[in-house]
């Protein structure tokens, strides 16, 4: 009798680690939201690593670099400030400049710019050094320094306060806003803000895919679907005498001090359009006649870093971006100019949830219904 050959045992199939399988599923699963995919693939704002320290030696004694520092500035920006993108005014269509100029004037003349009372660190109440207004999706809100702002809607709204296509006698753009009490001029400016926001979204997405996606695993970048814009009006330091000096880097008078933008979706981009209006303010001596430009300042959000801050002059009509995870690991400030008002429109992707009008409305409905049932 022939002996039976021993059958070779097949090695057990190796299974991919759970984390790897989960990551693969999250990348290919179209049902997951972008926020969930980003969280699984790239973590959160709090887990995003800081950029590498800039190691190049420089003879400059100041704690910051400017474009005048040439290769040092370019090297530092490229290595440590990836995500800051700047568009020159001449590269932006004239129609966008005109739209912003018109809406800034109309919103200002309509009285929408106000000082805010905030509570930094939850301590003493103080008045902001700039006036501002919030415009965005109906019901959107933005919270900073203990204050929650409710937005002026940038589209028509229905009887429930929701945005959408309005039919009938109020179908004309802005008609429902006029019915709510806005002047025709103000309503037109709010609608124009919503329209220009769409154009900024388009520009941001193109830059994201060209400049940032190739540097990120699987090209998975955050949202640029801006849901609101915080519009600021700032006075120059020769007119607003109480602005404080930047004591850390010696950058000059700060209109907006060092901060990260709060209340935003993780990995979402920020776009800022900046426009100046000349006041012809001049000093009392020859030294004061020197025109100081408005600047945006950037720094790594780490008190122990040896990476220098950046100070970047901004000509009127500039459009700059803080893209993807930039707001996680960096802070920015606005350094005041000497002679011009500055308007800035800061387009952002706000977090959904407990802060919106819809959420508050539904909570109120629940409470009223509960009281009705209890009384009956």
Protein backbone atom coordinates (compact mmCIF):
# COMPACT_ATOMS: atom_id res chain seq x y z
CA UNK A 1 0.00 0.00 0.00
CA UNK A 2 1.15 3.45 -0.86
CA UNK A 3 1.70 5.74 2.03
CA UNK A 4 -0.48 8.80 2.06
CA UNK A 5 1.51 11.95 1.54
CA UNK A 6 1.20 14.36 4.35
CA UNK A 7 -0.77 17.38 3.25
CA UNK A 8 1.11 20.61 3.68
CA UNK A 9 -0.58 23.02 5.97
CA UNK A 10 -1.23 26.39 4.44
CA UNK A 11 -0.01 29.32 6.53
CA UNK A 12 -2.85 31.36 8.00
CA UNK A 13 -3.80 34.49 6.12
CA UNK A 14 -2.26 37.60 7.52
CA UNK A 15 -4.77 40.27 8.34
CA UNK A 16 -3.95 43.94 8.04
CA UNK A 17 -3.71 45.73 11.36
CA UNK A 18 -7.06 47.16 12.45
CA UNK A 19 -5.77 50.71 12.31
CA UNK A 20 -4.55 50.22 8.73
CA UNK A 21 -7.83 48.67 7.62
CA UNK A 22 -9.76 51.47 9.32
CA UNK A 23 -7.62 54.08 7.61
CA UNK A 24 -8.11 52.40 4.23
CA UNK A 25 -11.86 52.18 4.79
CA UNK A 26 -12.03 55.82 5.81
CA UNK A 27 -10.23 56.89 2.64
CA UNK A 28 -12.41 54.88 0.28
CA UNK A 29 -15.73 55.10 2.12
CA UNK A 30 -17.80 57.77 0.37
CA UNK A 31 -20.43 57.77 3.13
CA UNK A 32 -18.06 59.25 5.71
CA UNK A 33 -18.06 63.02 6.02
CA UNK A 34 -14.91 64.97 5.17
CA UNK A 35 -14.53 65.87 8.86
CA UNK A 36 -14.62 62.21 9.89
CA UNK A 37 -12.16 61.16 7.19
CA UNK A 38 -9.77 63.93 8.23
CA UNK A 39 -10.01 62.92 11.87
CA UNK A 40 -9.23 59.28 11.08
CA UNK A 41 -6.48 59.98 8.57
CA UNK A 42 -4.82 63.12 9.97
CA UNK A 43 -6.04 63.53 13.55
CA UNK A 44 -7.31 66.81 14.96
CA UNK A 45 -6.08 70.33 15.55
CA UNK A 46 -4.70 69.35 18.96
CA UNK A 47 -2.70 66.41 17.56
CA UNK A 48 -1.22 68.22 14.56
CA UNK A 49 2.58 68.35 14.96
CA UNK A 50 4.39 71.67 14.93
CA UNK A 51 6.40 72.54 11.81
CA UNK A 52 10.15 71.87 11.92
CA UNK A 53 12.31 74.59 13.41
CA UNK A 54 14.13 76.83 10.99
CA UNK A 55 17.82 76.04 11.35
CA UNK A 56 19.47 78.51 8.99
CA UNK A 57 21.68 81.00 10.80
CA UNK A 58 21.17 84.69 10.15
CA UNK A 59 23.03 87.80 11.22
CA UNK A 60 19.78 89.69 11.69
CA UNK A 61 19.28 90.66 15.34
CA UNK A 62 15.50 91.18 15.21
CA UNK A 63 13.07 88.39 16.05
CA UNK A 64 11.29 88.46 12.70
CA UNK A 65 11.93 88.31 8.96
CA UNK A 66 10.40 90.36 6.14
CA UNK A 67 10.41 89.89 2.34
CA UNK A 68 13.40 92.27 2.28
CA UNK A 69 15.45 89.47 3.88
CA UNK A 70 15.36 87.66 0.56
CA UNK A 71 16.49 84.02 0.66
CA UNK A 72 16.20 83.81 4.46
CA UNK A 73 12.57 84.90 4.32
CA UNK A 74 11.76 82.54 1.43
CA UNK A 75 13.47 79.61 3.14
CA UNK A 76 11.73 80.20 6.47
CA UNK A 77 8.31 80.60 4.86
CA UNK A 78 8.76 77.47 2.74
CA UNK A 79 9.96 75.29 5.62
CA UNK A 80 8.00 76.58 8.61
CA UNK A 81 4.98 78.47 7.27
CA UNK A 82 3.66 76.10 4.63
CA UNK A 83 0.01 76.94 4.11
CA UNK A 84 0.41 80.71 3.98
CA UNK A 85 -0.39 81.69 0.39
CA UNK A 86 -0.51 85.25 -0.90
CA UNK A 87 -2.19 86.59 -4.05
CA UNK A 88 -0.99 89.86 -5.50
CA UNK A 89 -3.78 92.41 -6.17
CA UNK A 90 -2.97 92.48 -9.90
CA UNK A 91 -3.67 88.73 -10.14
CA UNK A 92 -7.22 89.15 -8.82
CA UNK A 93 -10.05 90.10 -11.23
CA UNK A 94 -11.11 93.73 -11.14
CA UNK A 95 -14.71 92.63 -10.53
CA UNK A 96 -13.74 91.11 -7.16
CA UNK A 97 -11.98 94.30 -6.06
CA UNK A 98 -15.02 96.37 -7.11
CA UNK A 99 -17.45 94.03 -5.31
CA UNK A 100 -15.52 94.29 -2.03
CA UNK A 101 -15.13 98.06 -2.32
CA UNK A 102 -18.86 98.49 -2.84
CA UNK A 103 -19.99 96.16 -0.07
CA UNK A 104 -17.52 97.62 2.47
CA UNK A 105 -18.89 101.12 1.86
CA UNK A 106 -22.53 100.01 1.91
CA UNK A 107 -22.20 97.94 5.11
CA UNK A 108 -20.35 100.81 6.78
CA UNK A 109 -22.94 103.40 5.77
CA UNK A 110 -25.69 101.04 6.98
CA UNK A 111 -24.21 101.09 10.50
CA UNK A 112 -23.30 97.41 10.72
CA UNK A 113 -19.75 97.92 12.04
CA UNK A 114 -19.69 97.94 15.85
CA UNK A 115 -17.16 97.55 18.66
CA UNK A 116 -17.49 94.28 20.59
CA UNK A 117 -17.26 93.80 24.36
CA UNK A 118 -15.18 90.68 24.94
CA UNK A 119 -13.75 88.81 27.94
CA UNK A 120 -10.23 87.55 27.19
CA UNK A 121 -9.30 84.61 29.42
CA UNK A 122 -12.73 84.82 31.06
CA UNK A 123 -11.56 87.74 33.19
CA UNK A 124 -11.97 91.51 32.70
CA UNK A 125 -14.40 92.87 30.10
CA UNK A 126 -12.81 95.01 27.43
CA UNK A 127 -13.70 96.80 24.20
CA UNK A 128 -12.18 95.61 20.93
CA UNK A 129 -9.83 98.02 19.15
CA UNK A 130 -11.59 97.42 15.81
CA UNK A 131 -15.20 97.51 14.68
CA UNK A 132 -16.62 94.47 12.91
CA UNK A 133 -19.68 92.71 11.59
CA UNK A 134 -20.48 89.07 10.84
CA UNK A 135 -22.14 87.99 7.58
CA UNK A 136 -22.86 84.41 6.59
CA UNK A 137 -25.23 81.52 6.11
CA UNK A 138 -28.60 82.20 7.78
CA UNK A 139 -28.39 81.18 11.42
CA UNK A 140 -24.60 80.88 11.55
CA UNK A 141 -22.72 82.20 14.57
CA UNK A 142 -19.12 82.79 15.56
CA UNK A 143 -17.73 82.77 19.11
CA UNK A 144 -14.50 84.40 20.22
CA UNK A 145 -13.16 85.66 23.57
CA UNK A 146 -16.39 84.79 25.38
CA UNK A 147 -18.69 86.55 22.89
CA UNK A 148 -21.01 84.84 20.40
CA UNK A 149 -21.90 86.85 17.29
CA UNK A 150 -24.96 86.07 15.16
CA UNK A 151 -24.48 86.65 11.46
CA UNK A 152 -26.41 88.90 9.11
CA UNK A 153 -27.68 86.59 6.32
CA UNK A 154 -26.00 86.85 2.92
CA UNK A 155 -28.93 85.32 1.08
CA UNK A 156 -32.69 85.47 1.19
CA UNK A 157 -34.45 83.60 3.98
CA UNK A 158 -37.83 81.90 4.32
CA UNK A 159 -40.34 82.33 7.14
CA UNK A 160 -38.36 79.90 9.35
CA UNK A 161 -35.15 81.85 8.95
CA UNK A 162 -33.60 79.27 6.63
CA UNK A 163 -31.83 80.20 3.42
CA UNK A 164 -33.03 79.03 0.03
CA UNK A 165 -34.74 79.94 -3.19
CA UNK A 166 -37.64 82.26 -2.48
CA UNK A 167 -40.64 82.23 -4.82
CA UNK A 168 -43.51 84.65 -5.28
CA UNK A 169 -43.53 88.38 -4.66
CA UNK A 170 -40.34 88.21 -2.55
CA UNK A 171 -38.32 86.31 -5.16
CA UNK A 172 -36.21 89.38 -6.03
CA UNK A 173 -32.69 89.17 -4.54
CA UNK A 174 -32.70 90.70 -1.05
CA UNK A 175 -36.47 91.25 -0.85
CA UNK A 176 -36.87 89.04 2.21
CA UNK A 177 -34.03 90.91 3.93
CA UNK A 178 -35.79 94.22 3.28
CA UNK A 179 -38.91 92.72 4.83
CA UNK A 180 -36.84 91.84 7.91
CA UNK A 181 -35.87 95.53 8.28
CA UNK A 182 -32.65 95.94 6.32
CA UNK A 183 -32.49 98.89 3.96
CA UNK A 184 -32.35 98.10 0.24
CA UNK A 185 -28.75 99.27 0.11
CA UNK A 186 -27.77 97.09 3.07
CA UNK A 187 -29.65 94.08 1.69
CA UNK A 188 -27.85 94.49 -1.62
CA UNK A 189 -24.50 94.58 0.17
CA UNK A 190 -25.29 91.44 2.16
CA UNK A 191 -26.30 89.57 -1.01
CA UNK A 192 -23.10 90.81 -2.73
CA UNK A 193 -21.07 89.44 0.19
CA UNK A 194 -22.56 85.99 -0.36
CA UNK A 195 -21.82 86.14 -4.08
CA UNK A 196 -18.20 87.20 -3.66
CA UNK A 197 -17.78 84.49 -1.00
CA UNK A 198 -18.56 81.87 -3.68
CA UNK A 199 -15.80 83.28 -5.87
CA UNK A 200 -13.34 83.17 -2.98
CA UNK A 201 -14.29 79.52 -2.36
CA UNK A 202 -13.47 78.72 -6.00
CA UNK A 203 -10.08 80.43 -5.79
CA UNK A 204 -9.24 78.71 -2.51
CA UNK A 205 -10.07 75.24 -3.80
CA UNK A 206 -7.87 75.71 -6.88
CA UNK A 207 -4.92 76.77 -4.73
CA UNK A 208 -5.55 73.95 -2.23
CA UNK A 209 -5.40 71.32 -4.97
CA UNK A 210 -2.34 72.88 -6.60
CA UNK A 211 -0.22 73.87 -3.60
CA UNK A 212 -1.32 71.83 -0.59
CA UNK A 213 -2.92 68.53 -1.70
CA UNK A 214 0.31 67.20 -3.31
CA UNK A 215 2.06 67.61 0.07
CA UNK A 216 -0.60 65.75 2.08
CA UNK A 217 -1.17 62.00 2.31
CA UNK A 218 -3.76 60.90 -0.29
CA UNK A 219 -4.32 64.61 -1.09
CA UNK A 220 -6.87 64.77 1.74
CA UNK A 221 -7.20 68.48 2.55
CA UNK A 222 -9.69 70.32 4.73
CA UNK A 223 -12.78 72.26 3.73
CA UNK A 224 -12.86 75.67 2.07
CA UNK A 225 -16.65 75.83 1.94
CA UNK A 226 -16.78 79.16 3.76
CA UNK A 227 -19.96 79.57 5.80
CA UNK A 228 -19.37 83.09 7.12
CA UNK A 229 -17.03 86.06 6.99
CA UNK A 230 -15.97 88.35 9.81
CA UNK A 231 -15.50 91.82 8.30
CA UNK A 232 -13.29 94.23 10.24
CA UNK A 233 -12.80 97.97 9.95
CA UNK A 234 -9.54 99.21 11.49
CA UNK A 235 -8.19 102.69 12.10
CA UNK A 236 -4.50 103.55 11.51
CA UNK A 237 -2.30 104.12 14.56
CA UNK A 238 -1.95 107.86 13.87
CA UNK A 239 -5.70 108.18 14.35
CA UNK A 240 -6.26 105.50 16.99
CA UNK A 241 -3.76 106.46 19.66
CA UNK A 242 -4.42 103.65 22.16
CA UNK A 243 -3.11 100.74 20.08
CA UNK A 244 -0.51 98.68 21.94
CA UNK A 245 2.99 97.85 20.73
CA UNK A 246 3.96 94.26 20.02
CA UNK A 247 6.24 93.72 23.01
CA UNK A 248 7.54 90.27 22.02
CA UNK A 249 8.90 90.81 18.52
CA UNK A 250 8.97 94.59 18.19
CA UNK A 251 6.75 94.59 15.10
CA UNK A 252 4.91 97.83 15.81
CA UNK A 253 1.38 98.83 16.83
CA UNK A 254 -1.07 95.92 16.78
CA UNK A 255 -4.67 96.39 15.64
CA UNK A 256 -5.35 92.69 16.25
CA UNK A 257 -2.98 90.94 18.66
CA UNK A 258 -1.57 87.42 18.34
CA UNK A 259 -4.22 84.72 18.09
CA UNK A 260 -5.52 81.62 16.36
CA UNK A 261 -8.97 81.82 14.80
CA UNK A 262 -11.35 79.83 17.01
CA UNK A 263 -14.57 77.92 16.44
CA UNK A 264 -13.54 76.59 13.02
CA UNK A 265 -13.63 73.12 11.52
CA UNK A 266 -10.31 71.30 11.84
CA UNK A 267 -8.06 71.59 8.76
CA UNK A 268 -10.35 74.19 7.20
CA UNK A 269 -8.81 77.06 5.27
CA UNK A 270 -9.16 80.79 5.95
CA UNK A 271 -9.16 83.46 3.24
CA UNK A 272 -8.61 87.17 3.99
CA UNK A 273 -9.24 90.00 1.53
CA UNK A 274 -7.67 93.30 2.57
CA UNK A 275 -8.45 96.77 1.21
CA UNK A 276 -7.28 100.23 2.28
CA UNK A 277 -8.97 103.62 2.16
CA UNK A 278 -6.64 106.62 2.38
CA UNK A 279 -7.32 109.16 5.12
CA UNK A 280 -4.40 111.47 4.31
CA UNK A 281 -3.45 111.44 7.99
CA UNK A 282 -0.01 112.97 8.53
CA UNK A 283 2.16 113.49 11.58
CA UNK A 284 3.45 116.70 13.11
CA UNK A 285 7.11 116.34 12.10
CA UNK A 286 9.24 114.91 9.31
CA UNK A 287 9.71 111.57 11.09
CA UNK A 288 5.93 111.18 11.34
CA UNK A 289 5.51 111.78 7.61
CA UNK A 290 6.95 108.36 6.80
CA UNK A 291 4.12 106.07 5.62
CA UNK A 292 4.03 102.78 7.54
CA UNK A 293 2.21 99.98 5.63
CA UNK A 294 -0.31 97.59 7.11
CA UNK A 295 1.18 94.14 7.68
CA UNK A 296 0.13 90.63 8.62
CA UNK A 297 2.46 88.92 11.09
CA UNK A 298 2.86 85.15 11.49
CA UNK A 299 4.56 83.03 14.13
CA UNK A 300 4.75 79.39 15.19
CA UNK A 301 2.46 78.74 18.17
CA UNK A 302 5.25 77.57 20.48
CA UNK A 303 6.89 79.83 23.05
CA UNK A 304 10.11 77.77 22.90
CA UNK A 305 10.58 77.85 19.14
CA UNK A 306 13.67 79.38 17.57
CA UNK A 307 11.84 79.96 14.29
CA UNK A 308 11.54 83.72 13.67
CA UNK A 309 8.18 85.38 13.09
CA UNK A 310 7.33 86.78 9.66
CA UNK A 311 6.10 90.31 8.94
CA UNK A 312 4.53 90.80 5.51
CA UNK A 313 3.46 94.21 4.12
CA UNK A 314 0.08 94.14 2.41
CA UNK A 315 -0.80 96.41 -0.51
CA UNK A 316 -4.47 97.28 -0.89
CA UNK A 317 -6.42 94.55 -2.67
CA UNK A 318 -4.34 91.66 -1.31
CA UNK A 319 -5.90 88.25 -0.81
CA UNK A 320 -4.05 85.82 1.44
CA UNK A 321 -4.84 82.36 2.76
CA UNK A 322 -4.10 80.34 5.90
CA UNK A 323 -4.62 76.91 4.39
CA UNK A 324 -5.44 73.48 5.74
CA UNK A 325 -3.65 72.90 9.09
CA UNK A 326 -1.93 76.32 9.22
CA UNK A 327 -4.30 77.65 11.91
CA UNK A 328 -3.56 74.59 14.10
CA UNK A 329 0.13 75.38 14.63
CA UNK A 330 0.49 79.11 13.93
CA UNK A 331 -0.76 82.42 15.24
CA UNK A 332 -1.23 85.64 13.33
CA UNK A 333 -1.58 89.33 14.14
CA UNK A 334 -2.42 92.52 12.25
CA UNK A 335 0.18 95.29 12.50
CA UNK A 336 -1.35 98.73 12.02
CA UNK A 337 -0.43 101.09 9.21
CA UNK A 338 -0.08 104.81 9.68
CA UNK A 339 -2.38 106.56 7.22
CA UNK A 340 -5.27 104.42 5.94
CA UNK A 341 -8.38 102.70 7.15
CA UNK A 342 -8.17 98.96 6.65
CA UNK A 343 -11.13 96.75 5.76
CA UNK A 344 -10.64 92.99 5.90
CA UNK A 345 -13.06 90.20 5.09
CA UNK A 346 -12.03 86.95 6.80
CA UNK A 347 -13.82 83.98 5.22
CA UNK A 348 -14.07 80.91 7.45
CA UNK A 349 -15.64 77.47 7.82
CA UNK A 350 -17.43 77.58 11.17
CA UNK A 351 -18.20 74.49 13.23
CA UNK A 352 -21.75 73.22 13.00
CA UNK A 353 -23.80 72.26 16.01
CA UNK A 354 -24.72 73.90 19.29
CA UNK A 355 -23.99 77.48 18.29
CA UNK A 356 -26.31 77.80 15.29
CA UNK A 357 -29.70 79.43 15.15
CA UNK A 358 -31.27 76.16 14.00
CA UNK A 359 -29.96 74.35 17.08
CA UNK A 360 -31.21 77.10 19.41
CA UNK A 361 -34.58 77.19 17.63
CA UNK A 362 -35.07 73.43 18.00
CA UNK A 363 -34.14 73.57 21.67
CA UNK A 364 -36.69 76.33 22.23
CA UNK A 365 -39.36 74.31 20.43
CA UNK A 366 -38.61 71.32 22.65
CA UNK A 367 -38.84 73.42 25.82
CA UNK A 368 -42.12 75.06 24.74
CA UNK A 369 -43.61 71.71 23.77
CA UNK A 370 -42.57 70.22 27.12
CA UNK A 371 -44.15 73.12 29.00
CA UNK A 372 -47.36 72.76 26.94
CA UNK A 373 -47.58 69.01 27.69
CA UNK A 374 -46.80 69.59 31.38
CA UNK A 375 -49.54 72.24 31.71
CA UNK A 376 -52.09 70.12 29.94
